[in-house]
């Protein structure tokens, strides 16, 4: 984990850091982190699907810490992919269970 964080530190620069000083943007980021946390909490238990939205939230936090909106955007994309995966797998499981009855 430390190796990955060091990679982010080397890759990061202060990109669009002015956005991180805007209150509306910080509120939006807060809503994104809340949404990723709820998605991770509502993921099917013992499926491993909760790790992807949680990883997205961690990368969003790194983007805030490093003042890099590009890294923050990467975290949003990772988290959104995790939420999409949870919804897709959940829909497949529901369809399979309905097919049994």
N, C-alpha and C. Protein backbone atom coordinates (compact mmCIF):
# COMPACT_ATOMS: atom_id res chain seq x y z
N UNK A 1 0.82 -1.19 0.00
CA UNK A 1 0.00 0.00 0.00
C UNK A 1 0.87 1.25 0.00
N UNK A 2 1.92 1.23 0.77
CA UNK A 2 2.80 2.39 0.86
C UNK A 2 3.45 2.65 -0.50
N UNK A 3 3.77 1.60 -1.21
CA UNK A 3 4.38 1.75 -2.54
C UNK A 3 3.43 2.46 -3.49
N UNK A 4 2.15 2.12 -3.44
CA UNK A 4 1.15 2.77 -4.30
C UNK A 4 0.98 4.24 -3.92
N UNK A 5 0.99 4.53 -2.62
CA UNK A 5 0.86 5.92 -2.18
C UNK A 5 2.06 6.73 -2.62
N UNK A 6 3.23 6.15 -2.58
CA UNK A 6 4.42 6.85 -3.06
C UNK A 6 4.33 7.13 -4.55
N UNK A 7 3.73 6.19 -5.31
CA UNK A 7 3.53 6.44 -6.74
C UNK A 7 2.62 7.63 -6.94
N UNK A 8 1.54 7.70 -6.18
CA UNK A 8 0.64 8.85 -6.28
C UNK A 8 1.36 10.14 -5.91
N UNK A 9 2.22 10.09 -4.91
CA UNK A 9 2.96 11.29 -4.52
C UNK A 9 3.89 11.75 -5.62
N UNK A 10 4.54 10.82 -6.31
CA UNK A 10 5.42 11.18 -7.42
C UNK A 10 4.63 11.70 -8.62
N UNK A 11 3.47 11.13 -8.87
CA UNK A 11 2.65 11.49 -10.02
C UNK A 11 1.92 12.81 -9.82
N UNK A 12 1.65 13.17 -8.58
CA UNK A 12 0.79 14.31 -8.31
C UNK A 12 1.52 15.64 -8.48
N UNK A 13 0.73 16.62 -8.88
CA UNK A 13 1.13 18.02 -8.91
C UNK A 13 -0.08 18.81 -8.46
N UNK A 14 0.11 20.07 -8.23
CA UNK A 14 -1.03 20.91 -7.85
C UNK A 14 -1.80 21.27 -9.11
N UNK A 15 -2.73 20.41 -9.49
CA UNK A 15 -3.56 20.65 -10.67
C UNK A 15 -4.92 21.14 -10.22
N UNK A 16 -5.32 22.29 -10.71
CA UNK A 16 -6.62 22.88 -10.40
C UNK A 16 -6.87 22.93 -8.89
N UNK A 17 -5.83 23.27 -8.16
CA UNK A 17 -5.93 23.31 -6.69
C UNK A 17 -6.91 24.39 -6.22
N UNK A 18 -7.18 25.38 -7.06
CA UNK A 18 -8.14 26.41 -6.69
C UNK A 18 -9.54 25.87 -6.47
N UNK A 19 -9.87 24.79 -7.17
CA UNK A 19 -11.19 24.17 -6.97
C UNK A 19 -11.33 23.63 -5.56
N UNK A 20 -10.24 23.16 -5.00
CA UNK A 20 -10.30 22.58 -3.65
C UNK A 20 -10.45 23.65 -2.57
N UNK A 21 -10.41 24.91 -2.96
CA UNK A 21 -10.64 26.00 -2.00
C UNK A 21 -12.07 26.52 -2.10
N UNK A 22 -12.84 26.03 -3.06
CA UNK A 22 -14.22 26.45 -3.24
C UNK A 22 -15.14 25.62 -2.35
N UNK A 23 -16.03 26.27 -1.65
CA UNK A 23 -16.92 25.56 -0.73
C UNK A 23 -17.86 24.62 -1.47
N UNK A 24 -18.38 25.04 -2.61
CA UNK A 24 -19.34 24.21 -3.35
C UNK A 24 -18.66 22.94 -3.84
N UNK A 25 -17.38 23.05 -4.22
CA UNK A 25 -16.66 21.88 -4.71
C UNK A 25 -16.38 20.91 -3.57
N UNK A 26 -16.01 21.42 -2.42
CA UNK A 26 -15.77 20.55 -1.26
C UNK A 26 -17.05 19.85 -0.82
N UNK A 27 -18.17 20.53 -0.93
CA UNK A 27 -19.44 19.89 -0.60
C UNK A 27 -19.75 18.77 -1.59
N UNK A 28 -19.47 19.03 -2.86
CA UNK A 28 -19.68 18.00 -3.88
C UNK A 28 -18.78 16.79 -3.62
N UNK A 29 -17.53 17.05 -3.26
CA UNK A 29 -16.61 15.95 -2.94
C UNK A 29 -17.10 15.19 -1.71
N UNK A 30 -17.63 15.91 -0.74
CA UNK A 30 -18.19 15.25 0.45
C UNK A 30 -19.35 14.34 0.10
N UNK A 31 -20.22 14.79 -0.80
CA UNK A 31 -21.33 13.94 -1.24
C UNK A 31 -20.83 12.71 -1.99
N UNK A 32 -19.77 12.89 -2.76
CA UNK A 32 -19.19 11.75 -3.49
C UNK A 32 -18.63 10.73 -2.52
N UNK A 33 -17.91 11.20 -1.51
CA UNK A 33 -17.34 10.27 -0.52
C UNK A 33 -18.45 9.56 0.25
N UNK A 34 -19.51 10.28 0.60
CA UNK A 34 -20.65 9.65 1.29
C UNK A 34 -21.28 8.59 0.39
N UNK A 35 -21.47 8.91 -0.88
CA UNK A 35 -22.07 7.95 -1.82
C UNK A 35 -21.21 6.70 -1.96
N UNK A 36 -19.90 6.88 -2.04
CA UNK A 36 -19.00 5.72 -2.16
C UNK A 36 -19.01 4.89 -0.87
N UNK A 37 -19.12 5.55 0.27
CA UNK A 37 -19.17 4.83 1.54
C UNK A 37 -20.46 4.03 1.66
N UNK A 38 -21.58 4.63 1.25
CA UNK A 38 -22.86 3.91 1.29
C UNK A 38 -22.84 2.74 0.33
N UNK A 39 -22.26 2.94 -0.85
CA UNK A 39 -22.17 1.84 -1.82
C UNK A 39 -21.33 0.69 -1.27
N UNK A 40 -20.23 1.02 -0.61
CA UNK A 40 -19.40 -0.03 -0.03
C UNK A 40 -20.13 -0.74 1.10
N UNK A 41 -20.92 0.00 1.87
CA UNK A 41 -21.65 -0.62 2.98
C UNK A 41 -22.79 -1.50 2.49
N UNK A 42 -23.41 -1.14 1.36
CA UNK A 42 -24.56 -1.89 0.86
C UNK A 42 -24.18 -3.01 -0.12
N UNK A 43 -22.90 -3.16 -0.38
CA UNK A 43 -22.46 -4.23 -1.29
C UNK A 43 -22.77 -5.59 -0.66
N UNK A 44 -23.00 -6.59 -1.50
CA UNK A 44 -23.28 -7.93 -0.95
C UNK A 44 -22.14 -8.40 -0.04
N UNK A 45 -22.50 -8.97 1.11
CA UNK A 45 -21.46 -9.39 2.05
C UNK A 45 -20.62 -10.54 1.51
N UNK A 46 -19.35 -10.52 1.86
CA UNK A 46 -18.38 -11.56 1.51
C UNK A 46 -18.21 -11.73 0.01
N UNK A 47 -18.53 -10.69 -0.77
CA UNK A 47 -18.37 -10.79 -2.23
C UNK A 47 -17.09 -10.12 -2.69
N UNK A 48 -16.52 -9.26 -1.90
CA UNK A 48 -15.33 -8.54 -2.30
C UNK A 48 -15.65 -7.31 -3.13
N UNK A 49 -16.93 -7.08 -3.43
CA UNK A 49 -17.31 -5.94 -4.25
C UNK A 49 -17.25 -4.62 -3.51
N UNK A 50 -17.18 -4.67 -2.18
CA UNK A 50 -17.13 -3.44 -1.41
C UNK A 50 -15.77 -2.76 -1.48
N UNK A 51 -14.75 -3.47 -1.91
CA UNK A 51 -13.41 -2.89 -1.92
C UNK A 51 -13.23 -1.86 -3.01
N UNK A 52 -13.94 -1.97 -4.13
CA UNK A 52 -13.71 -1.05 -5.24
C UNK A 52 -14.24 0.35 -4.92
N UNK A 53 -15.48 0.50 -4.43
CA UNK A 53 -15.89 1.86 -4.03
C UNK A 53 -15.06 2.41 -2.87
N UNK A 54 -14.64 1.55 -1.96
CA UNK A 54 -13.80 2.00 -0.85
C UNK A 54 -12.45 2.48 -1.36
N UNK A 55 -11.90 1.77 -2.35
CA UNK A 55 -10.64 2.20 -2.95
C UNK A 55 -10.82 3.55 -3.65
N UNK A 56 -11.96 3.73 -4.30
CA UNK A 56 -12.24 5.03 -4.92
C UNK A 56 -12.27 6.14 -3.90
N UNK A 57 -12.86 5.89 -2.74
CA UNK A 57 -12.90 6.91 -1.68
C UNK A 57 -11.50 7.22 -1.16
N UNK A 58 -10.65 6.21 -1.07
CA UNK A 58 -9.26 6.43 -0.63
C UNK A 58 -8.51 7.28 -1.64
N UNK A 59 -8.70 7.01 -2.92
CA UNK A 59 -8.01 7.79 -3.95
C UNK A 59 -8.55 9.23 -3.98
N UNK A 60 -9.85 9.40 -3.74
CA UNK A 60 -10.41 10.75 -3.63
C UNK A 60 -9.75 11.48 -2.47
N UNK A 61 -9.59 10.81 -1.33
CA UNK A 61 -8.93 11.42 -0.17
C UNK A 61 -7.48 11.79 -0.48
N UNK A 62 -6.79 10.92 -1.22
CA UNK A 62 -5.41 11.25 -1.62
C UNK A 62 -5.39 12.47 -2.53
N UNK A 63 -6.36 12.58 -3.42
CA UNK A 63 -6.44 13.76 -4.28
C UNK A 63 -6.63 15.03 -3.48
N UNK A 64 -7.41 14.96 -2.42
CA UNK A 64 -7.60 16.13 -1.56
C UNK A 64 -6.31 16.45 -0.81
N UNK A 65 -5.68 15.43 -0.26
CA UNK A 65 -4.45 15.64 0.51
C UNK A 65 -3.34 16.20 -0.37
N UNK A 66 -3.23 15.70 -1.60
CA UNK A 66 -2.15 16.11 -2.49
C UNK A 66 -2.52 17.32 -3.34
N UNK A 67 -3.71 17.88 -3.16
CA UNK A 67 -4.19 19.05 -3.93
C UNK A 67 -4.15 18.81 -5.42
N UNK A 68 -4.58 17.64 -5.85
CA UNK A 68 -4.57 17.29 -7.26
C UNK A 68 -5.96 16.82 -7.67
N UNK A 69 -6.65 17.63 -8.45
CA UNK A 69 -8.00 17.30 -8.86
C UNK A 69 -8.00 16.14 -9.85
N UNK A 70 -6.91 15.95 -10.59
CA UNK A 70 -6.83 14.81 -11.51
C UNK A 70 -6.87 13.49 -10.74
N UNK A 71 -6.12 13.39 -9.66
CA UNK A 71 -6.15 12.18 -8.83
C UNK A 71 -7.53 12.02 -8.19
N UNK A 72 -8.13 13.13 -7.78
CA UNK A 72 -9.47 13.08 -7.24
C UNK A 72 -10.44 12.52 -8.28
N UNK A 73 -10.30 12.97 -9.52
CA UNK A 73 -11.14 12.44 -10.61
C UNK A 73 -10.91 10.97 -10.86
N UNK A 74 -9.66 10.53 -10.74
CA UNK A 74 -9.38 9.11 -10.88
C UNK A 74 -10.11 8.31 -9.79
N UNK A 75 -10.13 8.85 -8.59
CA UNK A 75 -10.85 8.18 -7.50
C UNK A 75 -12.34 8.11 -7.75
N UNK A 76 -12.90 9.18 -8.32
CA UNK A 76 -14.33 9.18 -8.65
C UNK A 76 -14.61 8.12 -9.71
N UNK A 77 -13.75 8.02 -10.72
CA UNK A 77 -13.94 7.01 -11.76
C UNK A 77 -13.83 5.59 -11.22
N UNK A 78 -12.85 5.37 -10.35
CA UNK A 78 -12.70 4.04 -9.74
C UNK A 78 -13.95 3.71 -8.92
N UNK A 79 -14.39 4.66 -8.12
CA UNK A 79 -15.58 4.43 -7.30
C UNK A 79 -16.83 4.22 -8.13
N UNK A 80 -16.99 5.00 -9.20
CA UNK A 80 -18.16 4.84 -10.06
C UNK A 80 -18.14 3.47 -10.75
N UNK A 81 -16.96 3.03 -11.15
CA UNK A 81 -16.86 1.68 -11.72
C UNK A 81 -17.24 0.61 -10.72
N UNK A 82 -16.85 0.80 -9.47
CA UNK A 82 -17.22 -0.15 -8.42
C UNK A 82 -18.71 -0.17 -8.16
N UNK A 83 -19.34 1.01 -8.17
CA UNK A 83 -20.79 1.08 -7.97
C UNK A 83 -21.50 0.40 -9.14
N UNK A 84 -21.03 0.66 -10.36
CA UNK A 84 -21.64 0.02 -11.54
C UNK A 84 -21.49 -1.50 -11.46
N UNK A 85 -20.35 -1.96 -10.99
CA UNK A 85 -20.14 -3.40 -10.86
C UNK A 85 -21.07 -4.01 -9.81
N UNK A 86 -21.25 -3.31 -8.70
CA UNK A 86 -22.16 -3.79 -7.66
C UNK A 86 -23.59 -3.88 -8.20
N UNK A 87 -24.02 -2.83 -8.91
CA UNK A 87 -25.37 -2.83 -9.47
C UNK A 87 -25.55 -3.93 -10.51
N UNK A 88 -24.53 -4.14 -11.34
CA UNK A 88 -24.62 -5.17 -12.37
C UNK A 88 -24.69 -6.57 -11.76
N UNK A 89 -23.81 -6.84 -10.83
CA UNK A 89 -23.81 -8.16 -10.19
C UNK A 89 -25.09 -8.36 -9.39
N UNK A 90 -25.55 -7.31 -8.72
CA UNK A 90 -26.80 -7.41 -7.97
C UNK A 90 -27.99 -7.70 -8.86
N UNK A 91 -28.05 -7.04 -10.03
CA UNK A 91 -29.14 -7.29 -10.97
C UNK A 91 -29.08 -8.72 -11.51
N UNK A 92 -27.88 -9.21 -11.76
CA UNK A 92 -27.75 -10.59 -12.24
C UNK A 92 -28.19 -11.60 -11.19
N UNK A 93 -27.86 -11.34 -9.94
CA UNK A 93 -28.25 -12.26 -8.86
C UNK A 93 -29.78 -12.24 -8.69
N UNK A 94 -30.37 -11.06 -8.75
CA UNK A 94 -31.84 -10.97 -8.63
C UNK A 94 -32.50 -11.68 -9.80
N UNK A 95 -32.00 -11.50 -11.00
CA UNK A 95 -32.56 -12.17 -12.17
C UNK A 95 -32.42 -13.69 -12.05
N UNK A 96 -31.28 -14.15 -11.53
CA UNK A 96 -31.07 -15.59 -11.36
C UNK A 96 -32.04 -16.16 -10.33
N UNK A 97 -32.23 -15.45 -9.22
CA UNK A 97 -33.13 -15.94 -8.17
C UNK A 97 -34.57 -15.94 -8.66
N UNK A 98 -34.98 -14.93 -9.41
CA UNK A 98 -36.33 -14.91 -9.98
C UNK A 98 -36.53 -16.04 -10.98
N UNK A 99 -35.48 -16.41 -11.67
CA UNK A 99 -35.57 -17.51 -12.63
C UNK A 99 -35.76 -18.86 -11.98
N UNK A 100 -35.36 -18.98 -10.72
CA UNK A 100 -35.53 -20.22 -10.01
C UNK A 100 -36.98 -20.47 -9.61
N UNK A 101 -37.75 -19.41 -9.45
CA UNK A 101 -39.13 -19.58 -8.98
C UNK A 101 -40.06 -19.36 -10.10
